[in-house]
Amino acid sequence: PVGEGDVLPVPLLELAPSEPFDAAV
C-alpha cells in the first residue's frame, strides 16, 4: 500500500487481475 520504486503502491484487494500468477509470497 505504501510502495515506492519497483513496488506498486496498491493494496491486495485493488490489484487489477492480469495473467494469473504461478505463486505468491
mmCIF file of all heavy atoms, coordinates in Angstrom:
data_MODEL
# 
_entry.id   MODEL 
# 
loop_
_atom_site.group_PDB 
_atom_site.id 
_atom_site.type_symbol 
_atom_site.label_atom_id 
_atom_site.label_alt_id 
_atom_site.label_comp_id 
_atom_site.label_asym_id 
_atom_site.label_entity_id 
_atom_site.label_seq_id 
_atom_site.pdbx_PDB_ins_code 
_atom_site.Cartn_x 
_atom_site.Cartn_y 
_atom_site.Cartn_z 
_atom_site.occupancy 
_atom_site.B_iso_or_equiv 
_atom_site.pdbx_formal_charge 
_atom_site.auth_seq_id 
_atom_site.auth_comp_id 
_atom_site.auth_asym_id 
_atom_site.auth_atom_id 
_atom_site.pdbx_PDB_model_num 
ATOM 1   N N   . PRO A 1 1  ? 0.800   -1.231  0.000   1.00 0.00 ? 1  PRO A N   1 
ATOM 2   C CA  . PRO A 1 1  ? 0.000   0.000   0.000   1.00 0.00 ? 1  PRO A CA  1 
ATOM 3   C C   . PRO A 1 1  ? 0.830   1.276   0.000   1.00 0.00 ? 1  PRO A C   1 
ATOM 4   O O   . PRO A 1 1  ? 0.371   2.309   -0.492  1.00 0.00 ? 1  PRO A O   1 
ATOM 5   C CB  . PRO A 1 1  ? -0.840  -0.124  1.278   1.00 0.00 ? 1  PRO A CB  1 
ATOM 6   C CG  . PRO A 1 1  ? -0.945  -1.590  1.503   1.00 0.00 ? 1  PRO A CG  1 
ATOM 7   C CD  . PRO A 1 1  ? 0.380   -2.160  1.057   1.00 0.00 ? 1  PRO A CD  1 
ATOM 8   N N   . VAL A 1 2  ? 2.056   1.214   0.533   1.00 0.00 ? 2  VAL A N   1 
ATOM 9   C CA  . VAL A 1 2  ? 2.923   2.403   0.545   1.00 0.00 ? 2  VAL A CA  1 
ATOM 10  C C   . VAL A 1 2  ? 4.178   2.155   -0.291  1.00 0.00 ? 2  VAL A C   1 
ATOM 11  O O   . VAL A 1 2  ? 5.248   2.664   0.010   1.00 0.00 ? 2  VAL A O   1 
ATOM 12  C CB  . VAL A 1 2  ? 3.293   2.830   1.985   1.00 0.00 ? 2  VAL A CB  1 
ATOM 13  C CG1 . VAL A 1 2  ? 2.078   3.310   2.724   1.00 0.00 ? 2  VAL A CG1 1 
ATOM 14  C CG2 . VAL A 1 2  ? 3.945   1.672   2.753   1.00 0.00 ? 2  VAL A CG2 1 
ATOM 15  N N   . GLY A 1 3  ? 4.019   1.384   -1.349  1.00 0.00 ? 3  GLY A N   1 
ATOM 16  C CA  . GLY A 1 3  ? 5.156   1.025   -2.175  1.00 0.00 ? 3  GLY A CA  1 
ATOM 17  C C   . GLY A 1 3  ? 5.776   2.199   -2.909  1.00 0.00 ? 3  GLY A C   1 
ATOM 18  O O   . GLY A 1 3  ? 5.108   3.187   -3.219  1.00 0.00 ? 3  GLY A O   1 
ATOM 19  N N   . GLU A 1 4  ? 7.061   2.070   -3.186  1.00 0.00 ? 4  GLU A N   1 
ATOM 20  C CA  . GLU A 1 4  ? 7.806   3.061   -3.947  1.00 0.00 ? 4  GLU A CA  1 
ATOM 21  C C   . GLU A 1 4  ? 8.726   2.337   -4.921  1.00 0.00 ? 4  GLU A C   1 
ATOM 22  O O   . GLU A 1 4  ? 9.032   1.157   -4.752  1.00 0.00 ? 4  GLU A O   1 
ATOM 23  C CB  . GLU A 1 4  ? 8.650   3.955   -3.025  1.00 0.00 ? 4  GLU A CB  1 
ATOM 24  C CG  . GLU A 1 4  ? 7.846   4.790   -2.060  1.00 0.00 ? 4  GLU A CG  1 
ATOM 25  C CD  . GLU A 1 4  ? 8.726   5.635   -1.157  1.00 0.00 ? 4  GLU A CD  1 
ATOM 26  O OE1 . GLU A 1 4  ? 9.961   5.534   -1.238  1.00 0.00 ? 4  GLU A OE1 1 
ATOM 27  O OE2 . GLU A 1 4  ? 8.175   6.408   -0.356  1.00 0.00 ? 4  GLU A OE2 1 
ATOM 28  N N   . GLY A 1 5  ? 9.197   3.062   -5.925  1.00 0.00 ? 5  GLY A N   1 
ATOM 29  C CA  . GLY A 1 5  ? 10.140  2.477   -6.875  1.00 0.00 ? 5  GLY A CA  1 
ATOM 30  C C   . GLY A 1 5  ? 9.517   1.324   -7.629  1.00 0.00 ? 5  GLY A C   1 
ATOM 31  O O   . GLY A 1 5  ? 8.478   1.477   -8.277  1.00 0.00 ? 5  GLY A O   1 
ATOM 32  N N   . ASP A 1 6  ? 10.140  0.141   -7.530  1.00 0.00 ? 6  ASP A N   1 
ATOM 33  C CA  . ASP A 1 6  ? 9.654   -1.039  -8.241  1.00 0.00 ? 6  ASP A CA  1 
ATOM 34  C C   . ASP A 1 6  ? 8.497   -1.741  -7.527  1.00 0.00 ? 6  ASP A C   1 
ATOM 35  O O   . ASP A 1 6  ? 7.981   -2.741  -8.025  1.00 0.00 ? 6  ASP A O   1 
ATOM 36  C CB  . ASP A 1 6  ? 10.802  -2.046  -8.417  1.00 0.00 ? 6  ASP A CB  1 
ATOM 37  C CG  . ASP A 1 6  ? 11.856  -1.548  -9.391  1.00 0.00 ? 6  ASP A CG  1 
ATOM 38  O OD1 . ASP A 1 6  ? 11.528  -0.706  -10.239 1.00 0.00 ? 6  ASP A OD1 1 
ATOM 39  O OD2 . ASP A 1 6  ? 13.013  -1.999  -9.294  1.00 0.00 ? 6  ASP A OD2 1 
ATOM 40  N N   . VAL A 1 7  ? 8.105   -1.228  -6.359  1.00 0.00 ? 7  VAL A N   1 
ATOM 41  C CA  . VAL A 1 7  ? 6.992   -1.811  -5.605  1.00 0.00 ? 7  VAL A CA  1 
ATOM 42  C C   . VAL A 1 7  ? 5.732   -0.990  -5.904  1.00 0.00 ? 7  VAL A C   1 
ATOM 43  O O   . VAL A 1 7  ? 5.685   0.210   -5.636  1.00 0.00 ? 7  VAL A O   1 
ATOM 44  C CB  . VAL A 1 7  ? 7.276   -1.812  -4.089  1.00 0.00 ? 7  VAL A CB  1 
ATOM 45  C CG1 . VAL A 1 7  ? 6.097   -2.395  -3.328  1.00 0.00 ? 7  VAL A CG1 1 
ATOM 46  C CG2 . VAL A 1 7  ? 8.546   -2.595  -3.794  1.00 0.00 ? 7  VAL A CG2 1 
ATOM 47  N N   . LEU A 1 8  ? 4.728   -1.656  -6.484  1.00 0.00 ? 8  LEU A N   1 
ATOM 48  C CA  . LEU A 1 8  ? 3.498   -0.954  -6.850  1.00 0.00 ? 8  LEU A CA  1 
ATOM 49  C C   . LEU A 1 8  ? 2.742   -0.518  -5.600  1.00 0.00 ? 8  LEU A C   1 
ATOM 50  O O   . LEU A 1 8  ? 2.509   -1.341  -4.697  1.00 0.00 ? 8  LEU A O   1 
ATOM 51  C CB  . LEU A 1 8  ? 2.602   -1.861  -7.691  1.00 0.00 ? 8  LEU A CB  1 
ATOM 52  C CG  . LEU A 1 8  ? 3.174   -2.369  -9.013  1.00 0.00 ? 8  LEU A CG  1 
ATOM 53  C CD1 . LEU A 1 8  ? 2.194   -3.329  -9.693  1.00 0.00 ? 8  LEU A CD1 1 
ATOM 54  C CD2 . LEU A 1 8  ? 3.483   -1.198  -9.934  1.00 0.00 ? 8  LEU A CD2 1 
ATOM 55  N N   . PRO A 1 9  ? 2.332   0.757   -5.511  1.00 0.00 ? 9  PRO A N   1 
ATOM 56  C CA  . PRO A 1 9  ? 1.626   1.251   -4.328  1.00 0.00 ? 9  PRO A CA  1 
ATOM 57  C C   . PRO A 1 9  ? 0.132   0.921   -4.373  1.00 0.00 ? 9  PRO A C   1 
ATOM 58  O O   . PRO A 1 9  ? -0.722  1.790   -4.591  1.00 0.00 ? 9  PRO A O   1 
ATOM 59  C CB  . PRO A 1 9  ? 1.877   2.765   -4.391  1.00 0.00 ? 9  PRO A CB  1 
ATOM 60  C CG  . PRO A 1 9  ? 1.970   3.058   -5.854  1.00 0.00 ? 9  PRO A CG  1 
ATOM 61  C CD  . PRO A 1 9  ? 2.607   1.837   -6.481  1.00 0.00 ? 9  PRO A CD  1 
ATOM 62  N N   . VAL A 1 10 ? -0.180  -0.348  -4.179  1.00 0.00 ? 10 VAL A N   1 
ATOM 63  C CA  . VAL A 1 10 ? -1.570  -0.790  -4.269  1.00 0.00 ? 10 VAL A CA  1 
ATOM 64  C C   . VAL A 1 10 ? -1.828  -1.873  -3.227  1.00 0.00 ? 10 VAL A C   1 
ATOM 65  O O   . VAL A 1 10 ? -0.999  -2.761  -3.035  1.00 0.00 ? 10 VAL A O   1 
ATOM 66  C CB  . VAL A 1 10 ? -1.883  -1.296  -5.704  1.00 0.00 ? 10 VAL A CB  1 
ATOM 67  C CG1 . VAL A 1 10 ? -0.973  -2.459  -6.072  1.00 0.00 ? 10 VAL A CG1 1 
ATOM 68  C CG2 . VAL A 1 10 ? -3.329  -1.714  -5.849  1.00 0.00 ? 10 VAL A CG2 1 
ATOM 69  N N   . PRO A 1 11 ? -2.975  -1.813  -2.526  1.00 0.00 ? 11 PRO A N   1 
ATOM 70  C CA  . PRO A 1 11 ? -3.330  -2.920  -1.627  1.00 0.00 ? 11 PRO A CA  1 
ATOM 71  C C   . PRO A 1 11 ? -3.769  -4.135  -2.429  1.00 0.00 ? 11 PRO A C   1 
ATOM 72  O O   . PRO A 1 11 ? -4.189  -4.021  -3.589  1.00 0.00 ? 11 PRO A O   1 
ATOM 73  C CB  . PRO A 1 11 ? -4.467  -2.347  -0.785  1.00 0.00 ? 11 PRO A CB  1 
ATOM 74  C CG  . PRO A 1 11 ? -5.026  -1.216  -1.572  1.00 0.00 ? 11 PRO A CG  1 
ATOM 75  C CD  . PRO A 1 11 ? -3.917  -0.690  -2.433  1.00 0.00 ? 11 PRO A CD  1 
ATOM 76  N N   . LEU A 1 12 ? -3.685  -5.294  -1.803  1.00 0.00 ? 12 LEU A N   1 
ATOM 77  C CA  . LEU A 1 12 ? -4.001  -6.553  -2.484  1.00 0.00 ? 12 LEU A CA  1 
ATOM 78  C C   . LEU A 1 12 ? -5.384  -6.527  -3.117  1.00 0.00 ? 12 LEU A C   1 
ATOM 79  O O   . LEU A 1 12 ? -5.557  -6.939  -4.268  1.00 0.00 ? 12 LEU A O   1 
ATOM 80  C CB  . LEU A 1 12 ? -3.889  -7.710  -1.485  1.00 0.00 ? 12 LEU A CB  1 
ATOM 81  C CG  . LEU A 1 12 ? -4.233  -9.111  -2.000  1.00 0.00 ? 12 LEU A CG  1 
ATOM 82  C CD1 . LEU A 1 12 ? -3.353  -9.490  -3.180  1.00 0.00 ? 12 LEU A CD1 1 
ATOM 83  C CD2 . LEU A 1 12 ? -4.085  -10.126 -0.874  1.00 0.00 ? 12 LEU A CD2 1 
ATOM 84  N N   . LEU A 1 13 ? -6.375  -6.036  -2.404  1.00 0.00 ? 13 LEU A N   1 
ATOM 85  C CA  . LEU A 1 13 ? -7.751  -6.060  -2.894  1.00 0.00 ? 13 LEU A CA  1 
ATOM 86  C C   . LEU A 1 13 ? -7.922  -5.242  -4.170  1.00 0.00 ? 13 LEU A C   1 
ATOM 87  O O   . LEU A 1 13 ? -8.817  -5.511  -4.971  1.00 0.00 ? 13 LEU A O   1 
ATOM 88  C CB  . LEU A 1 13 ? -8.700  -5.547  -1.811  1.00 0.00 ? 13 LEU A CB  1 
ATOM 89  C CG  . LEU A 1 13 ? -10.197 -5.645  -2.113  1.00 0.00 ? 13 LEU A CG  1 
ATOM 90  C CD1 . LEU A 1 13 ? -10.613 -7.085  -2.368  1.00 0.00 ? 13 LEU A CD1 1 
ATOM 91  C CD2 . LEU A 1 13 ? -11.011 -5.056  -0.964  1.00 0.00 ? 13 LEU A CD2 1 
ATOM 92  N N   . GLU A 1 14 ? -7.063  -4.255  -4.390  1.00 0.00 ? 14 GLU A N   1 
ATOM 93  C CA  . GLU A 1 14 ? -7.215  -3.366  -5.539  1.00 0.00 ? 14 GLU A CA  1 
ATOM 94  C C   . GLU A 1 14 ? -6.310  -3.719  -6.712  1.00 0.00 ? 14 GLU A C   1 
ATOM 95  O O   . GLU A 1 14 ? -6.330  -3.046  -7.749  1.00 0.00 ? 14 GLU A O   1 
ATOM 96  C CB  . GLU A 1 14 ? -6.959  -1.918  -5.106  1.00 0.00 ? 14 GLU A CB  1 
ATOM 97  C CG  . GLU A 1 14 ? -7.978  -1.411  -4.108  1.00 0.00 ? 14 GLU A CG  1 
ATOM 98  C CD  . GLU A 1 14 ? -7.681  -0.016  -3.611  1.00 0.00 ? 14 GLU A CD  1 
ATOM 99  O OE1 . GLU A 1 14 ? -6.872  0.705   -4.251  1.00 0.00 ? 14 GLU A OE1 1 
ATOM 100 O OE2 . GLU A 1 14 ? -8.244  0.372   -2.574  1.00 0.00 ? 14 GLU A OE2 1 
ATOM 101 N N   . LEU A 1 15 ? -5.526  -4.765  -6.589  1.00 0.00 ? 15 LEU A N   1 
ATOM 102 C CA  . LEU A 1 15 ? -4.650  -5.156  -7.694  1.00 0.00 ? 15 LEU A CA  1 
ATOM 103 C C   . LEU A 1 15 ? -5.491  -5.687  -8.843  1.00 0.00 ? 15 LEU A C   1 
ATOM 104 O O   . LEU A 1 15 ? -6.265  -6.623  -8.675  1.00 0.00 ? 15 LEU A O   1 
ATOM 105 C CB  . LEU A 1 15 ? -3.650  -6.217  -7.236  1.00 0.00 ? 15 LEU A CB  1 
ATOM 106 C CG  . LEU A 1 15 ? -2.628  -6.662  -8.289  1.00 0.00 ? 15 LEU A CG  1 
ATOM 107 C CD1 . LEU A 1 15 ? -1.729  -5.488  -8.698  1.00 0.00 ? 15 LEU A CD1 1 
ATOM 108 C CD2 . LEU A 1 15 ? -1.782  -7.817  -7.766  1.00 0.00 ? 15 LEU A CD2 1 
ATOM 109 N N   . ALA A 1 16 ? -5.340  -5.072  -10.002 1.00 0.00 ? 16 ALA A N   1 
ATOM 110 C CA  . ALA A 1 16 ? -6.118  -5.482  -11.165 1.00 0.00 ? 16 ALA A CA  1 
ATOM 111 C C   . ALA A 1 16 ? -5.617  -6.818  -11.668 1.00 0.00 ? 16 ALA A C   1 
ATOM 112 O O   . ALA A 1 16 ? -4.407  -7.025  -11.785 1.00 0.00 ? 16 ALA A O   1 
ATOM 113 C CB  . ALA A 1 16 ? -6.015  -4.425  -12.262 1.00 0.00 ? 16 ALA A CB  1 
ATOM 114 N N   . PRO A 1 17 ? -6.539  -7.719  -11.977 1.00 0.00 ? 17 PRO A N   1 
ATOM 115 C CA  . PRO A 1 17 ? -6.111  -9.028  -12.472 1.00 0.00 ? 17 PRO A CA  1 
ATOM 116 C C   . PRO A 1 17 ? -5.473  -8.924  -13.841 1.00 0.00 ? 17 PRO A C   1 
ATOM 117 O O   . PRO A 1 17 ? -5.849  -8.091  -14.662 1.00 0.00 ? 17 PRO A O   1 
ATOM 118 C CB  . PRO A 1 17 ? -7.412  -9.830  -12.504 1.00 0.00 ? 17 PRO A CB  1 
ATOM 119 C CG  . PRO A 1 17 ? -8.492  -8.813  -12.601 1.00 0.00 ? 17 PRO A CG  1 
ATOM 120 C CD  . PRO A 1 17 ? -7.990  -7.604  -11.871 1.00 0.00 ? 17 PRO A CD  1 
ATOM 121 N N   . SER A 1 18 ? -4.477  -9.751  -14.057 1.00 0.00 ? 18 SER A N   1 
ATOM 122 C CA  . SER A 1 18 ? -3.836  -9.854  -15.371 1.00 0.00 ? 18 SER A CA  1 
ATOM 123 C C   . SER A 1 18 ? -3.665  -11.339 -15.637 1.00 0.00 ? 18 SER A C   1 
ATOM 124 O O   . SER A 1 18 ? -4.492  -12.144 -15.232 1.00 0.00 ? 18 SER A O   1 
ATOM 125 C CB  . SER A 1 18 ? -2.494  -9.115  -15.367 1.00 0.00 ? 18 SER A CB  1 
ATOM 126 O OG  . SER A 1 18 ? -1.637  -9.654  -14.384 1.00 0.00 ? 18 SER A OG  1 
ATOM 127 N N   . GLU A 1 19 ? -2.597  -11.729 -16.278 1.00 0.00 ? 19 GLU A N   1 
ATOM 128 C CA  . GLU A 1 19 ? -2.304  -13.150 -16.414 1.00 0.00 ? 19 GLU A CA  1 
ATOM 129 C C   . GLU A 1 19 ? -2.108  -13.731 -15.023 1.00 0.00 ? 19 GLU A C   1 
ATOM 130 O O   . GLU A 1 19 ? -1.432  -13.125 -14.186 1.00 0.00 ? 19 GLU A O   1 
ATOM 131 C CB  . GLU A 1 19 ? -1.028  -13.326 -17.240 1.00 0.00 ? 19 GLU A CB  1 
ATOM 132 C CG  . GLU A 1 19 ? -0.635  -14.771 -17.480 1.00 0.00 ? 19 GLU A CG  1 
ATOM 133 C CD  . GLU A 1 19 ? 0.669   -14.886 -18.238 1.00 0.00 ? 19 GLU A CD  1 
ATOM 134 O OE1 . GLU A 1 19 ? 1.122   -13.873 -18.795 1.00 0.00 ? 19 GLU A OE1 1 
ATOM 135 O OE2 . GLU A 1 19 ? 1.234   -15.991 -18.259 1.00 0.00 ? 19 GLU A OE2 1 
ATOM 136 N N   . PRO A 1 20 ? -2.706  -14.876 -14.715 1.00 0.00 ? 20 PRO A N   1 
ATOM 137 C CA  . PRO A 1 20 ? -2.613  -15.415 -13.351 1.00 0.00 ? 20 PRO A CA  1 
ATOM 138 C C   . PRO A 1 20 ? -1.171  -15.668 -12.923 1.00 0.00 ? 20 PRO A C   1 
ATOM 139 O O   . PRO A 1 20 ? -0.315  -16.027 -13.732 1.00 0.00 ? 20 PRO A O   1 
ATOM 140 C CB  . PRO A 1 20 ? -3.390  -16.730 -13.435 1.00 0.00 ? 20 PRO A CB  1 
ATOM 141 C CG  . PRO A 1 20 ? -4.285  -16.575 -14.611 1.00 0.00 ? 20 PRO A CG  1 
ATOM 142 C CD  . PRO A 1 20 ? -3.553  -15.722 -15.584 1.00 0.00 ? 20 PRO A CD  1 
ATOM 143 N N   . PHE A 1 21 ? -0.930  -15.480 -11.650 1.00 0.00 ? 21 PHE A N   1 
ATOM 144 C CA  . PHE A 1 21 ? 0.386   -15.747 -11.077 1.00 0.00 ? 21 PHE A CA  1 
ATOM 145 C C   . PHE A 1 21 ? 0.532   -17.234 -10.768 1.00 0.00 ? 21 PHE A C   1 
ATOM 146 O O   . PHE A 1 21 ? -0.439  -17.917 -10.425 1.00 0.00 ? 21 PHE A O   1 
ATOM 147 C CB  . PHE A 1 21 ? 0.586   -14.935 -9.797  1.00 0.00 ? 21 PHE A CB  1 
ATOM 148 C CG  . PHE A 1 21 ? 0.717   -13.453 -10.027 1.00 0.00 ? 21 PHE A CG  1 
ATOM 149 C CD1 . PHE A 1 21 ? -0.396  -12.620 -9.921  1.00 0.00 ? 21 PHE A CD1 1 
ATOM 150 C CD2 . PHE A 1 21 ? 1.943   -12.890 -10.365 1.00 0.00 ? 21 PHE A CD2 1 
ATOM 151 C CE1 . PHE A 1 21 ? -0.290  -11.259 -10.138 1.00 0.00 ? 21 PHE A CE1 1 
ATOM 152 C CE2 . PHE A 1 21 ? 2.063   -11.525 -10.586 1.00 0.00 ? 21 PHE A CE2 1 
ATOM 153 C CZ  . PHE A 1 21 ? 0.949   -10.704 -10.479 1.00 0.00 ? 21 PHE A CZ  1 
ATOM 154 N N   . ASP A 1 22 ? 1.788   -17.706 -10.866 1.00 0.00 ? 22 ASP A N   1 
ATOM 155 C CA  . ASP A 1 22 ? 2.099   -19.095 -10.535 1.00 0.00 ? 22 ASP A CA  1 
ATOM 156 C C   . ASP A 1 22 ? 2.279   -19.304 -9.039  1.00 0.00 ? 22 ASP A C   1 
ATOM 157 O O   . ASP A 1 22 ? 2.193   -20.429 -8.545  1.00 0.00 ? 22 ASP A O   1 
ATOM 158 C CB  . ASP A 1 22 ? 3.398   -19.519 -11.232 1.00 0.00 ? 22 ASP A CB  1 
ATOM 159 C CG  . ASP A 1 22 ? 3.303   -19.379 -12.740 1.00 0.00 ? 22 ASP A CG  1 
ATOM 160 O OD1 . ASP A 1 22 ? 2.333   -19.899 -13.312 1.00 0.00 ? 22 ASP A OD1 1 
ATOM 161 O OD2 . ASP A 1 22 ? 4.201   -18.746 -13.342 1.00 0.00 ? 22 ASP A OD2 1 
ATOM 162 N N   . ALA A 1 23 ? 2.579   -18.227 -8.314  1.00 0.00 ? 23 ALA A N   1 
ATOM 163 C CA  . ALA A 1 23 ? 2.818   -18.306 -6.871  1.00 0.00 ? 23 ALA A CA  1 
ATOM 164 C C   . ALA A 1 23 ? 2.710   -16.906 -6.283  1.00 0.00 ? 23 ALA A C   1 
ATOM 165 O O   . ALA A 1 23 ? 2.769   -15.905 -7.000  1.00 0.00 ? 23 ALA A O   1 
ATOM 166 C CB  . ALA A 1 23 ? 4.204   -18.891 -6.581  1.00 0.00 ? 23 ALA A CB  1 
ATOM 167 N N   . ALA A 1 24 ? 2.562   -16.865 -4.968  1.00 0.00 ? 24 ALA A N   1 
ATOM 168 C CA  . ALA A 1 24 ? 2.577   -15.596 -4.242  1.00 0.00 ? 24 ALA A CA  1 
ATOM 169 C C   . ALA A 1 24 ? 3.375   -15.798 -2.964  1.00 0.00 ? 24 ALA A C   1 
ATOM 170 O O   . ALA A 1 24 ? 3.464   -16.910 -2.441  1.00 0.00 ? 24 ALA A O   1 
ATOM 171 C CB  . ALA A 1 24 ? 1.166   -15.129 -3.921  1.00 0.00 ? 24 ALA A CB  1 
ATOM 172 N N   . VAL A 1 25 ? 3.950   -14.715 -2.491  1.00 0.00 ? 25 VAL A N   1 
ATOM 173 C CA  . VAL A 1 25 ? 4.737   -14.725 -1.258  1.00 0.00 ? 25 VAL A CA  1 
ATOM 174 C C   . VAL A 1 25 ? 4.209   -13.631 -0.348  1.00 0.00 ? 25 VAL A C   1 
ATOM 175 O O   . VAL A 1 25 ? 3.977   -12.500 -0.791  1.00 0.00 ? 25 VAL A O   1 
ATOM 176 C CB  . VAL A 1 25 ? 6.230   -14.468 -1.543  1.00 0.00 ? 25 VAL A CB  1 
ATOM 177 C CG1 . VAL A 1 25 ? 7.023   -14.368 -0.241  1.00 0.00 ? 25 VAL A CG1 1 
ATOM 178 C CG2 . VAL A 1 25 ? 6.808   -15.557 -2.427  1.00 0.00 ? 25 VAL A CG2 1 
# 
